[in-house]
C-alpha atoms as a PDB file:
ATOM      1  CA  UNK A   1     -29.864  38.538 -43.511  1.00  0.00           C
ATOM      2  CA  UNK A   2     -27.304  40.500 -40.866  1.00  0.00           C
ATOM      3  CA  UNK A   3     -29.042  39.658 -38.190  1.00  0.00           C
ATOM      4  CA  UNK A   4     -29.782  35.958 -38.892  1.00  0.00           C
ATOM      5  CA  UNK A   5     -25.916  36.088 -39.243  1.00  0.00           C
ATOM      6  CA  UNK A   6     -25.344  37.443 -36.001  1.00  0.00           C
ATOM      7  CA  UNK A   7     -28.086  34.952 -34.428  1.00  0.00           C
ATOM      8  CA  UNK A   8     -26.259  32.166 -35.675  1.00  0.00           C
ATOM      9  CA  UNK A   9     -22.732  33.499 -34.571  1.00  0.00           C
ATOM     10  CA  UNK A  10     -24.187  34.133 -31.115  1.00  0.00           C
ATOM     11  CA  UNK A  11     -25.813  30.493 -30.629  1.00  0.00           C
ATOM     12  CA  UNK A  12     -22.547  29.175 -31.661  1.00  0.00           C
ATOM     13  CA  UNK A  13     -20.423  30.974 -29.526  1.00  0.00           C
ATOM     14  CA  UNK A  14     -23.044  30.164 -26.242  1.00  0.00           C
ATOM     15  CA  UNK A  15     -22.887  26.407 -27.370  1.00  0.00           C
ATOM     16  CA  UNK A  16     -18.991  26.566 -27.103  1.00  0.00           C
ATOM     17  CA  UNK A  17     -18.961  28.550 -23.739  1.00  0.00           C
ATOM     18  CA  UNK A  18     -21.305  25.944 -22.186  1.00  0.00           C
ATOM     19  CA  UNK A  19     -19.559  22.908 -23.420  1.00  0.00           C
ATOM     20  CA  UNK A  20     -16.669  23.369 -21.261  1.00  0.00           C
ATOM     21  CA  UNK A  21     -18.804  23.507 -18.061  1.00  0.00           C
ATOM     22  CA  UNK A  22     -19.019  20.084 -15.781  1.00  0.00           C
ATOM     23  CA  UNK A  23     -21.825  18.182 -16.538  1.00  0.00           C
ATOM     24  CA  UNK A  24     -24.681  18.633 -14.049  1.00  0.00           C
ATOM     25  CA  UNK A  25     -25.828  15.525 -12.049  1.00  0.00           C
ATOM     26  CA  UNK A  26     -29.599  15.291 -11.798  1.00  0.00           C
ATOM     27  CA  UNK A  27     -30.976  15.647  -7.946  1.00  0.00           C
ATOM     28  CA  UNK A  28     -32.154  11.919  -8.212  1.00  0.00           C
ATOM     29  CA  UNK A  29     -28.465  10.395  -8.951  1.00  0.00           C
ATOM     30  CA  UNK A  30     -26.959  12.854  -6.532  1.00  0.00           C
ATOM     31  CA  UNK A  31     -29.307  11.313  -4.028  1.00  0.00           C
ATOM     32  CA  UNK A  32     -28.445   7.813  -5.159  1.00  0.00           C
ATOM     33  CA  UNK A  33     -24.557   8.113  -5.129  1.00  0.00           C
ATOM     34  CA  UNK A  34     -24.957   9.807  -1.829  1.00  0.00           C
ATOM     35  CA  UNK A  35     -26.193   6.375  -0.391  1.00  0.00           C
ATOM     36  CA  UNK A  36     -23.024   5.008  -1.959  1.00  0.00           C
ATOM     37  CA  UNK A  37     -20.594   4.278   0.967  1.00  0.00           C
ATOM     38  CA  UNK A  38     -18.504   1.017  -0.327  1.00  0.00           C
ATOM     39  CA  UNK A  39     -16.749   1.082  -4.013  1.00  0.00           C
ATOM     40  CA  UNK A  40     -15.253  -1.287  -6.343  1.00  0.00           C
ATOM     41  CA  UNK A  41     -13.255   0.085  -8.557  1.00  0.00           C
ATOM     42  CA  UNK A  42     -13.030  -1.662 -11.847  1.00  0.00           C
ATOM     43  CA  UNK A  43     -10.071  -1.355 -14.409  1.00  0.00           C
ATOM     44  CA  UNK A  44      -6.791  -2.064 -15.375  1.00  0.00           C
ATOM     45  CA  UNK A  45      -5.139   0.849 -15.940  1.00  0.00           C
ATOM     46  CA  UNK A  46      -2.391   3.362 -14.334  1.00  0.00           C
ATOM     47  CA  UNK A  47      -5.653   5.506 -13.685  1.00  0.00           C
ATOM     48  CA  UNK A  48      -7.355   2.855 -11.959  1.00  0.00           C
ATOM     49  CA  UNK A  49      -4.463   2.116  -9.783  1.00  0.00           C
ATOM     50  CA  UNK A  50      -4.456   5.947  -8.690  1.00  0.00           C
ATOM     51  CA  UNK A  51      -8.160   5.733  -7.742  1.00  0.00           C
ATOM     52  CA  UNK A  52      -7.587   2.306  -5.527  1.00  0.00           C
ATOM     53  CA  UNK A  53      -4.375   4.164  -3.945  1.00  0.00           C
ATOM     54  CA  UNK A  54      -6.029   7.569  -3.202  1.00  0.00           C
ATOM     55  CA  UNK A  55     -10.321   6.755  -2.771  1.00  0.00           C
ATOM     56  CA  UNK A  56     -10.011   6.584   0.695  1.00  0.00           C
ATOM     57  CA  UNK A  57      -7.883   9.309   1.870  1.00  0.00           C
ATOM     58  CA  UNK A  58      -9.488  11.600  -1.074  1.00  0.00           C
ATOM     59  CA  UNK A  59     -13.286  10.706  -0.541  1.00  0.00           C
ATOM     60  CA  UNK A  60     -16.081   9.439   2.513  1.00  0.00           C
ATOM     61  CA  UNK A  61     -16.037   6.203   0.413  1.00  0.00           C
ATOM     62  CA  UNK A  62     -14.617   2.720   1.555  1.00  0.00           C
ATOM     63  CA  UNK A  63     -12.945   0.846  -1.068  1.00  0.00           C
ATOM     64  CA  UNK A  64     -13.365  -3.135  -1.491  1.00  0.00           C
ATOM     65  CA  UNK A  65     -11.815  -5.964  -3.333  1.00  0.00           C
ATOM     66  CA  UNK A  66     -15.210  -7.856  -3.813  1.00  0.00           C
ATOM     67  CA  UNK A  67     -17.244  -6.658  -6.331  1.00  0.00           C
ATOM     68  CA  UNK A  68     -20.326  -8.459  -4.598  1.00  0.00           C
ATOM     69  CA  UNK A  69     -19.744  -6.195  -1.350  1.00  0.00           C
ATOM     70  CA  UNK A  70     -19.873  -2.989  -3.231  1.00  0.00           C
ATOM     71  CA  UNK A  71     -22.535  -0.587  -3.053  1.00  0.00           C
ATOM     72  CA  UNK A  72     -21.705   0.773  -6.607  1.00  0.00           C
ATOM     73  CA  UNK A  73     -19.043  -0.325  -9.462  1.00  0.00           C
ATOM     74  CA  UNK A  74     -16.526   2.372 -10.482  1.00  0.00           C
ATOM     75  CA  UNK A  75     -15.798   1.482 -14.232  1.00  0.00           C
ATOM     76  CA  UNK A  76     -12.629   3.172 -15.489  1.00  0.00           C
ATOM     77  CA  UNK A  77     -11.431   3.539 -18.867  1.00  0.00           C
ATOM     78  CA  UNK A  78      -8.004   5.654 -19.917  1.00  0.00           C
ATOM     79  CA  UNK A  79      -6.527   6.703 -23.369  1.00  0.00           C
ATOM     80  CA  UNK A  80      -3.323   8.840 -24.091  1.00  0.00           C
ATOM     81  CA  UNK A  81      -3.875  12.326 -25.774  1.00  0.00           C
ATOM     82  CA  UNK A  82      -1.392  13.579 -28.234  1.00  0.00           C
ATOM     83  CA  UNK A  83       0.877  16.473 -26.962  1.00  0.00           C
ATOM     84  CA  UNK A  84       4.471  17.454 -25.958  1.00  0.00           C
ATOM     85  CA  UNK A  85       3.841  16.014 -22.233  1.00  0.00           C
ATOM     86  CA  UNK A  86       2.498  12.835 -21.415  1.00  0.00           C
ATOM     87  CA  UNK A  87      -1.381  13.638 -21.214  1.00  0.00           C
ATOM     88  CA  UNK A  88      -3.774  10.828 -20.395  1.00  0.00           C
ATOM     89  CA  UNK A  89      -7.761  11.483 -20.071  1.00  0.00           C
ATOM     90  CA  UNK A  90      -9.367   9.046 -17.322  1.00  0.00           C
ATOM     91  CA  UNK A  91     -13.053   8.526 -17.452  1.00  0.00           C
ATOM     92  CA  UNK A  92     -14.979   6.440 -14.704  1.00  0.00           C
ATOM     93  CA  UNK A  93     -18.689   5.682 -14.470  1.00  0.00           C
ATOM     94  CA  UNK A  94     -20.330   4.976 -10.951  1.00  0.00           C
ATOM     95  CA  UNK A  95     -23.171   2.603 -11.519  1.00  0.00           C
ATOM     96  CA  UNK A  96     -25.211   1.436  -8.299  1.00  0.00           C
ATOM     97  CA  UNK A  97     -26.317  -2.256  -7.816  1.00  0.00           C
ATOM     98  CA  UNK A  98     -29.579  -2.262  -9.432  1.00  0.00           C
ATOM     99  CA  UNK A  99     -27.891  -1.017 -12.849  1.00  0.00           C
ATOM    100  CA  UNK A 100     -28.836   2.652 -12.392  1.00  0.00           C
ATOM    101  CA  UNK A 101     -25.791   5.203 -13.845  1.00  0.00           C
ATOM    102  CA  UNK A 102     -25.408   7.862 -11.410  1.00  0.00           C
ATOM    103  CA  UNK A 103     -22.283   9.352 -12.040  1.00  0.00           C
ATOM    104  CA  UNK A 104     -19.903   9.827 -15.046  1.00  0.00           C
ATOM    105  CA  UNK A 105     -16.727  12.373 -15.870  1.00  0.00           C
ATOM    106  CA  UNK A 106     -13.481  12.439 -18.110  1.00  0.00           C
ATOM    107  CA  UNK A 107     -10.782  14.209 -16.679  1.00  0.00           C
ATOM    108  CA  UNK A 108      -7.040  15.085 -18.410  1.00  0.00           C
ATOM    109  CA  UNK A 109      -3.861  14.757 -16.304  1.00  0.00           C
ATOM    110  CA  UNK A 110      -0.548  15.803 -17.939  1.00  0.00           C
ATOM    111  CA  UNK A 111       2.947  14.221 -16.535  1.00  0.00           C
ATOM    112  CA  UNK A 112       6.311  15.897 -17.607  1.00  0.00           C
ATOM    113  CA  UNK A 113       8.340  13.012 -16.173  1.00  0.00           C
ATOM    114  CA  UNK A 114       5.361  10.024 -16.198  1.00  0.00           C
ATOM    115  CA  UNK A 115       1.810   9.893 -17.429  1.00  0.00           C
ATOM    116  CA  UNK A 116      -0.643  12.202 -16.527  1.00  0.00           C
ATOM    117  CA  UNK A 117      -2.945   9.338 -15.035  1.00  0.00           C
ATOM    118  CA  UNK A 118      -2.361  10.275 -11.266  1.00  0.00           C
ATOM    119  CA  UNK A 119      -3.493  14.088 -12.078  1.00  0.00           C
ATOM    120  CA  UNK A 120      -6.222  12.871 -14.017  1.00  0.00           C
ATOM    121  CA  UNK A 121      -7.106  10.381 -11.099  1.00  0.00           C
ATOM    122  CA  UNK A 122      -6.961  12.972  -8.347  1.00  0.00           C
ATOM    123  CA  UNK A 123      -9.000  15.635 -10.296  1.00  0.00           C
ATOM    124  CA  UNK A 124     -11.747  12.470 -10.546  1.00  0.00           C
ATOM    125  CA  UNK A 125     -11.546  11.890  -6.791  1.00  0.00           C
ATOM    126  CA  UNK A 126     -11.568  15.574  -6.110  1.00  0.00           C
ATOM    127  CA  UNK A 127     -15.217  15.999  -8.186  1.00  0.00           C
ATOM    128  CA  UNK A 128     -16.397  12.531  -6.739  1.00  0.00           C
ATOM    129  CA  UNK A 129     -15.981  14.118  -3.451  1.00  0.00           C
ATOM    130  CA  UNK A 130     -17.655  17.322  -3.962  1.00  0.00           C
ATOM    131  CA  UNK A 131     -20.845  15.423  -5.015  1.00  0.00           C
ATOM    132  CA  UNK A 132     -20.968  12.108  -2.897  1.00  0.00           C
ATOM    133  CA  UNK A 133     -19.454  13.524   0.405  1.00  0.00           C
ATOM    134  CA  UNK A 134     -20.880  16.742   1.365  1.00  0.00           C
ATOM    135  CA  UNK A 135     -19.519  18.508   4.408  1.00  0.00           C
ATOM    136  CA  UNK A 136     -16.598  15.911   4.231  1.00  0.00           C
ATOM    137  CA  UNK A 137     -13.012  17.054   4.589  1.00  0.00           C
ATOM    138  CA  UNK A 138     -10.396  15.530   3.009  1.00  0.00           C
ATOM    139  CA  UNK A 139      -7.549  13.237   5.085  1.00  0.00           C
ATOM    140  CA  UNK A 140      -3.692  13.201   4.504  1.00  0.00           C
ATOM    141  CA  UNK A 141      -3.729  16.485   2.368  1.00  0.00           C
END
């Protein structure tokens, strides 16, 4: 009985430790993401605005205002999180023109004065650049 209880606790702890890790991107989706050169950011939120503002200087991707000219669409969603500070969770999904979803992430940002949307957007762009732009270094640091 003690061994079974210990095993259950071990599995629960191992599951919790794994839950905080960045989701892996499959080799197939990584290859598809790396073909994207022009992206359209879809959304009407502070996070979406920050993504548009910083996309070209924080990643190798070019921004377009025309969905039909984009290699991929980045859909954005933002929600506030209850806390003492202004906590915002921003989620993005990158879908290529054939409808395949190739990348998605959620990041949280915290703002002391304003919302945390800017920090969340920067964290998302940092992860996106690592996956979409191998060997690229950020401009305008």
